[in-house]
Protein backbone atom coordinates (compact mmCIF):
# COMPACT_ATOMS: atom_id res chain seq x y z
CA MET A 1 4.30 0.36 -11.49
CA ASP A 2 6.02 -1.38 -14.33
CA GLY A 3 9.48 -2.86 -14.38
CA TYR A 4 9.37 -5.12 -11.35
CA GLY A 5 7.57 -8.15 -12.76
CA LEU A 6 5.38 -8.37 -9.68
CA PRO A 7 1.62 -7.99 -9.23
CA MET A 8 0.48 -4.90 -7.33
CA ALA A 9 -0.48 -7.01 -4.28
CA SER A 10 3.11 -8.24 -4.05
CA LEU A 11 4.56 -4.76 -4.45
CA ASP A 12 2.15 -3.50 -1.81
CA ILE A 13 3.45 -6.12 0.64
CA LEU A 14 7.08 -5.21 -0.10
CA LEU A 15 6.38 -1.50 0.35
CA ARG A 16 4.60 -2.10 3.65
CA LEU A 17 7.52 -4.18 4.89
CA VAL A 18 10.20 -1.67 3.86
CA ARG A 19 8.36 1.00 5.91
CA SER A 20 8.15 -1.26 8.98
CA PRO A 21 10.72 -1.48 11.79
CA ASP A 22 13.43 -3.98 10.85
CA SER A 23 11.61 -4.50 7.52
CA ARG A 24 9.33 -7.07 9.11
CA MET A 25 5.77 -7.37 10.35
CA PRO A 26 3.58 -10.10 11.83
CA MET A 27 1.99 -11.95 8.93
CA THR A 28 -1.54 -11.60 10.31
CA LYS A 29 -1.15 -7.83 10.66
CA LEU A 30 0.37 -7.56 7.20
CA ALA A 31 -2.52 -9.53 5.67
CA ARG A 32 -5.05 -7.30 7.45
CA GLU A 33 -3.32 -4.08 6.36
CA ALA A 34 -3.11 -5.32 2.77
CA ALA A 35 -6.83 -6.22 2.92
CA LEU A 36 -6.15 -9.82 1.89
CA SER A 37 -7.84 -12.93 3.21
CA SER A 38 -5.56 -15.29 5.07
CA GLY A 39 -5.62 -17.70 2.12
CA GLY A 40 -4.96 -14.93 -0.39
CA PHE A 41 -2.12 -13.56 1.70
CA THR A 42 -0.58 -17.02 2.07
CA LYS A 43 -0.46 -17.37 -1.72
CA VAL A 44 1.19 -13.96 -2.12
CA ALA A 45 3.65 -14.71 0.71
CA ASP A 46 4.50 -18.10 -0.84
CA ARG A 47 5.31 -16.44 -4.17
CA LEU A 48 7.39 -13.73 -2.48
CA ALA A 49 9.31 -16.33 -0.46
CA LYS A 50 9.93 -18.45 -3.56
CA ALA A 51 11.31 -15.36 -5.32
CA ASP A 52 13.64 -14.74 -2.30
CA LEU A 53 11.94 -11.43 -1.53
CA ILE A 54 10.70 -12.33 1.96
CA CYS A 55 11.31 -15.03 4.52
CA ARG A 56 9.13 -16.24 7.36
CA VAL A 57 10.63 -15.78 10.81
CA PRO A 58 9.03 -17.27 13.92
CA SER A 59 8.67 -14.95 16.91
CA GLU A 60 11.18 -15.60 19.66
CA THR A 61 8.62 -14.72 22.31
CA ASP A 62 5.26 -15.94 20.97
CA ARG A 63 4.93 -19.26 19.16
CA ARG A 64 1.67 -18.08 17.59
CA VAL A 65 3.36 -15.26 15.67
CA THR A 66 5.29 -15.54 12.42
CA TYR A 67 6.88 -12.50 10.83
CA ALA A 68 7.25 -11.74 7.15
CA GLU A 69 10.69 -10.18 6.77
CA LEU A 70 12.39 -8.75 3.71
CA THR A 71 15.46 -10.61 2.51
CA ASP A 72 18.43 -8.58 1.25
CA HIS A 73 17.11 -9.04 -2.29
CA GLY A 74 13.61 -8.07 -1.15
CA LEU A 75 14.96 -4.95 0.56
CA ASP A 76 16.73 -3.93 -2.66
CA VAL A 77 13.59 -4.46 -4.78
CA ALA A 78 11.39 -2.71 -2.19
CA ASN A 79 13.68 0.32 -2.00
CA ARG A 80 13.77 0.64 -5.79
CA ALA A 81 9.98 0.27 -5.97
CA ARG A 82 9.59 2.85 -3.21
CA GLU A 83 11.64 5.36 -5.19
CA THR A 84 9.65 4.62 -8.36
CA ALA A 85 6.39 5.09 -6.46
CA ALA A 86 7.64 8.43 -5.08
CA GLN A 87 8.57 9.61 -8.59
CA VAL A 88 5.15 8.61 -9.95
CA LEU A 89 3.43 10.38 -7.05
CA ARG A 90 5.44 13.54 -7.60
CA GLU A 91 4.85 13.55 -11.36
CA HIS A 92 1.18 12.62 -11.49
CA VAL A 93 -0.22 13.98 -8.23
CA LEU A 94 1.91 16.53 -6.39
CA THR A 95 3.16 18.58 -9.34
CA PRO A 96 -0.31 19.01 -10.88
CA LEU A 97 -1.80 19.94 -7.49
CA GLY A 98 0.82 22.51 -6.59
CA GLN A 99 2.26 23.22 -3.17
CA ASP A 100 -0.85 24.38 -1.27
CA ASP A 101 -3.17 21.65 -2.52
CA SER A 102 -0.43 19.04 -1.96
CA ARG A 103 -0.20 20.12 1.68
CA ALA A 104 -3.98 19.92 2.03
CA LEU A 105 -3.97 16.44 0.49
CA ALA A 106 -1.23 15.30 2.87
CA GLN A 107 -3.22 16.57 5.85
CA ALA A 108 -6.38 14.86 4.62
CA MET A 109 -4.47 11.58 4.20
CA ARG A 110 -3.06 11.84 7.75
CA THR A 111 -6.56 12.42 9.08
CA LEU A 112 -7.90 9.38 7.21
CA ARG A 113 -5.00 7.18 8.35
CA GLU A 114 -5.50 8.16 12.00
CA ALA A 115 -9.25 7.59 11.76
CA ASN A 116 -8.84 4.16 10.16
CA THR A 117 -5.83 2.74 12.01
CA PRO A 118 -6.95 0.10 14.48
CA GLU A 119 -5.42 0.07 17.91
CA ASP A 120 -3.02 -2.85 18.41
């Protein structure tokens, strides 16, 4: 997606966070879901924090856990990117497939997500 000045890995992190409760997620879980090494994720998180898109928030109940949380600016960027992604999906995937094939694709994606989502 163009127009955001961010690498895809950064946009992926923002989109994952905007879909999460309270726009935050434990950093280790976020790194795992984004398929980034801990070092790679730290670099992405550092850049996002420097750009005021996320902040790191320590857990109130577990000292081992730090959350990545969208800032107000990050929430704005993530919501705009989410809408852009939805428009691209509609234009380049759903419209060409048509209604029936789009439903079949959605069901196949749900099946894959359920099969590949680790238990927490």
